[in-house]
Amino acid sequence: MPAERAARPPYAGSMTDSTFAELDALPTEELRERAFAKARERRDLSFFWGVFKHLPDADEAATLDGAPNTVGPTVDEAVALWRELTGHGYGEQEPLLRAAFIDYLQKH
């Protein structure tokens, strides 16, 4: 076993070709694109749901009751969430989302 592999943590055996350091050096948007591409390929809805729950506007969107008078805010919230999903503002959740993207890429 090469010394480099022996020095890795036990969970590292299932990592893809990208190491943590290589992934961590990438911009958040690149991590998102790679993780989303992999999740789409795997049809992994649970990954997308996990990301959605951690977006800054997810709490506000979850409180809407769907009544007719909330249709406008619902659309506005959906647009805000879409912008965040496409990399246009992660807010304070960026470190958490980066970690989720890196973790997903290493595991799959």
C-alpha atoms as a PDB file:
ATOM      1  CA  MET A   1       0.000   0.000   0.000  1.00  0.00           C
ATOM      2  CA  PRO A   2       1.508   3.377  -0.947  1.00  0.00           C
ATOM      3  CA  ALA A   3       2.434   5.655   1.947  1.00  0.00           C
ATOM      4  CA  GLU A   4       0.016   8.339   0.687  1.00  0.00           C
ATOM      5  CA  ARG A   5      -2.928   5.952   0.831  1.00  0.00           C
ATOM      6  CA  ALA A   6      -1.894   4.629   4.255  1.00  0.00           C
ATOM      7  CA  ALA A   7      -1.904   8.180   5.630  1.00  0.00           C
ATOM      8  CA  ARG A   8      -5.503   8.819   4.523  1.00  0.00           C
ATOM      9  CA  PRO A   9      -8.347   8.529   7.007  1.00  0.00           C
ATOM     10  CA  PRO A  10     -10.272   5.212   6.943  1.00  0.00           C
ATOM     11  CA  TYR A  11     -13.246   6.758   5.121  1.00  0.00           C
ATOM     12  CA  ALA A  12     -10.993   7.888   2.279  1.00  0.00           C
ATOM     13  CA  GLY A  13     -10.955   4.499   0.605  1.00  0.00           C
ATOM     14  CA  SER A  14     -14.177   5.220  -1.263  1.00  0.00           C
ATOM     15  CA  MET A  15     -13.134   8.669  -2.492  1.00  0.00           C
ATOM     16  CA  THR A  16     -13.181   9.519  -6.153  1.00  0.00           C
ATOM     17  CA  ASP A  17     -10.072  10.750  -7.953  1.00  0.00           C
ATOM     18  CA  SER A  18     -10.420  14.212  -6.410  1.00  0.00           C
ATOM     19  CA  THR A  19      -8.820  14.695  -3.024  1.00  0.00           C
ATOM     20  CA  PHE A  20     -10.251  16.909  -0.328  1.00  0.00           C
ATOM     21  CA  ALA A  21      -7.527  19.523  -0.854  1.00  0.00           C
ATOM     22  CA  GLU A  22      -8.190  19.656  -4.598  1.00  0.00           C
ATOM     23  CA  LEU A  23     -11.931  20.026  -4.080  1.00  0.00           C
ATOM     24  CA  ASP A  24     -11.556  22.551  -1.258  1.00  0.00           C
ATOM     25  CA  ALA A  25      -9.419  24.741  -3.532  1.00  0.00           C
ATOM     26  CA  LEU A  26     -12.294  25.072  -6.032  1.00  0.00           C
ATOM     27  CA  PRO A  27     -14.779  27.965  -5.953  1.00  0.00           C
ATOM     28  CA  THR A  28     -18.171  27.145  -4.446  1.00  0.00           C
ATOM     29  CA  GLU A  29     -19.859  27.495  -7.825  1.00  0.00           C
ATOM     30  CA  GLU A  30     -17.571  24.873  -9.373  1.00  0.00           C
ATOM     31  CA  LEU A  31     -18.245  22.526  -6.457  1.00  0.00           C
ATOM     32  CA  ARG A  32     -21.989  23.058  -6.891  1.00  0.00           C
ATOM     33  CA  GLU A  33     -21.817  22.360 -10.621  1.00  0.00           C
ATOM     34  CA  ARG A  34     -19.848  19.152 -10.106  1.00  0.00           C
ATOM     35  CA  ALA A  35     -22.032  17.916  -7.242  1.00  0.00           C
ATOM     36  CA  PHE A  36     -25.255  18.740  -9.108  1.00  0.00           C
ATOM     37  CA  ALA A  37     -24.000  16.973 -12.250  1.00  0.00           C
ATOM     38  CA  LYS A  38     -23.139  13.875 -10.224  1.00  0.00           C
ATOM     39  CA  ALA A  39     -26.485  13.956  -8.383  1.00  0.00           C
ATOM     40  CA  ARG A  40     -28.380  14.340 -11.673  1.00  0.00           C
ATOM     41  CA  GLU A  41     -26.448  11.421 -13.121  1.00  0.00           C
ATOM     42  CA  ARG A  42     -27.367   9.319 -10.073  1.00  0.00           C
ATOM     43  CA  ARG A  43     -30.936  10.716  -9.936  1.00  0.00           C
ATOM     44  CA  ASP A  44     -30.260  11.494  -6.283  1.00  0.00           C
ATOM     45  CA  LEU A  45     -33.242  13.583  -5.175  1.00  0.00           C
ATOM     46  CA  SER A  46     -32.268  13.270  -1.513  1.00  0.00           C
ATOM     47  CA  PHE A  47     -29.076  15.218  -2.225  1.00  0.00           C
ATOM     48  CA  PHE A  48     -31.016  18.049  -3.862  1.00  0.00           C
ATOM     49  CA  TRP A  49     -33.537  18.080  -1.012  1.00  0.00           C
ATOM     50  CA  GLY A  50     -30.715  18.313   1.533  1.00  0.00           C
ATOM     51  CA  VAL A  51     -29.200  21.270  -0.317  1.00  0.00           C
ATOM     52  CA  PHE A  52     -32.601  22.946  -0.658  1.00  0.00           C
ATOM     53  CA  LYS A  53     -33.225  22.702   3.108  1.00  0.00           C
ATOM     54  CA  HIS A  54     -29.981  24.542   3.869  1.00  0.00           C
ATOM     55  CA  LEU A  55     -30.464  27.512   1.557  1.00  0.00           C
ATOM     56  CA  PRO A  56     -30.980  30.874   3.289  1.00  0.00           C
ATOM     57  CA  ASP A  57     -34.521  31.435   1.937  1.00  0.00           C
ATOM     58  CA  ALA A  58     -35.709  27.865   2.545  1.00  0.00           C
ATOM     59  CA  ASP A  59     -37.182  28.729   5.958  1.00  0.00           C
ATOM     60  CA  GLU A  60     -39.307  31.537   4.560  1.00  0.00           C
ATOM     61  CA  ALA A  61     -40.541  29.355   1.689  1.00  0.00           C
ATOM     62  CA  ALA A  62     -41.476  26.568   4.087  1.00  0.00           C
ATOM     63  CA  THR A  63     -43.722  28.895   6.117  1.00  0.00           C
ATOM     64  CA  LEU A  64     -45.964  29.788   3.176  1.00  0.00           C
ATOM     65  CA  ASP A  65     -49.323  28.031   3.407  1.00  0.00           C
ATOM     66  CA  GLY A  66     -50.231  28.039  -0.291  1.00  0.00           C
ATOM     67  CA  ALA A  67     -53.348  30.192   0.189  1.00  0.00           C
ATOM     68  CA  PRO A  68     -54.338  32.210  -2.922  1.00  0.00           C
ATOM     69  CA  ASN A  69     -53.063  35.444  -1.396  1.00  0.00           C
ATOM     70  CA  THR A  70     -49.595  33.896  -0.967  1.00  0.00           C
ATOM     71  CA  VAL A  71     -49.089  32.969  -4.622  1.00  0.00           C
ATOM     72  CA  GLY A  72     -46.998  36.095  -5.270  1.00  0.00           C
ATOM     73  CA  PRO A  73     -44.672  35.470  -2.334  1.00  0.00           C
ATOM     74  CA  THR A  74     -44.479  31.789  -3.270  1.00  0.00           C
ATOM     75  CA  VAL A  75     -43.245  32.668  -6.748  1.00  0.00           C
ATOM     76  CA  ASP A  76     -40.833  35.231  -5.322  1.00  0.00           C
ATOM     77  CA  GLU A  77     -39.460  32.681  -2.876  1.00  0.00           C
ATOM     78  CA  ALA A  78     -39.131  30.067  -5.615  1.00  0.00           C
ATOM     79  CA  VAL A  79     -37.161  32.527  -7.731  1.00  0.00           C
ATOM     80  CA  ALA A  80     -34.935  33.398  -4.765  1.00  0.00           C
ATOM     81  CA  LEU A  81     -34.318  29.718  -4.060  1.00  0.00           C
ATOM     82  CA  TRP A  82     -33.550  29.030  -7.704  1.00  0.00           C
ATOM     83  CA  ARG A  83     -31.014  31.865  -7.734  1.00  0.00           C
ATOM     84  CA  GLU A  84     -29.336  30.362  -4.699  1.00  0.00           C
ATOM     85  CA  LEU A  85     -29.371  26.875  -6.221  1.00  0.00           C
ATOM     86  CA  THR A  86     -27.690  28.222  -9.327  1.00  0.00           C
ATOM     87  CA  GLY A  87     -24.951  29.920  -7.332  1.00  0.00           C
ATOM     88  CA  HIS A  88     -26.227  33.454  -7.025  1.00  0.00           C
ATOM     89  CA  GLY A  89     -25.909  33.864  -3.282  1.00  0.00           C
ATOM     90  CA  TYR A  90     -25.415  31.253  -0.575  1.00  0.00           C
ATOM     91  CA  GLY A  91     -25.346  33.713   2.311  1.00  0.00           C
ATOM     92  CA  GLU A  92     -24.123  32.478   5.666  1.00  0.00           C
ATOM     93  CA  GLN A  93     -24.802  28.897   4.577  1.00  0.00           C
ATOM     94  CA  GLU A  94     -21.907  28.841   2.105  1.00  0.00           C
ATOM     95  CA  PRO A  95     -19.479  26.925   4.378  1.00  0.00           C
ATOM     96  CA  LEU A  96     -22.132  24.291   5.114  1.00  0.00           C
ATOM     97  CA  LEU A  97     -23.051  23.950   1.444  1.00  0.00           C
ATOM     98  CA  ARG A  98     -19.390  23.756   0.393  1.00  0.00           C
ATOM     99  CA  ALA A  99     -18.906  20.935   2.883  1.00  0.00           C
ATOM    100  CA  ALA A 100     -21.989  19.138   1.531  1.00  0.00           C
ATOM    101  CA  PHE A 101     -20.783  19.487  -2.066  1.00  0.00           C
ATOM    102  CA  ILE A 102     -17.279  18.227  -1.214  1.00  0.00           C
ATOM    103  CA  ASP A 103     -18.653  15.352   0.858  1.00  0.00           C
ATOM    104  CA  TYR A 104     -20.980  14.292  -1.950  1.00  0.00           C
ATOM    105  CA  LEU A 105     -18.219  14.422  -4.551  1.00  0.00           C
ATOM    106  CA  GLN A 106     -15.888  12.373  -2.384  1.00  0.00           C
ATOM    107  CA  LYS A 107     -18.501   9.718  -1.647  1.00  0.00           C
ATOM    108  CA  HIS A 108     -19.830   9.364  -5.175  1.00  0.00           C
END
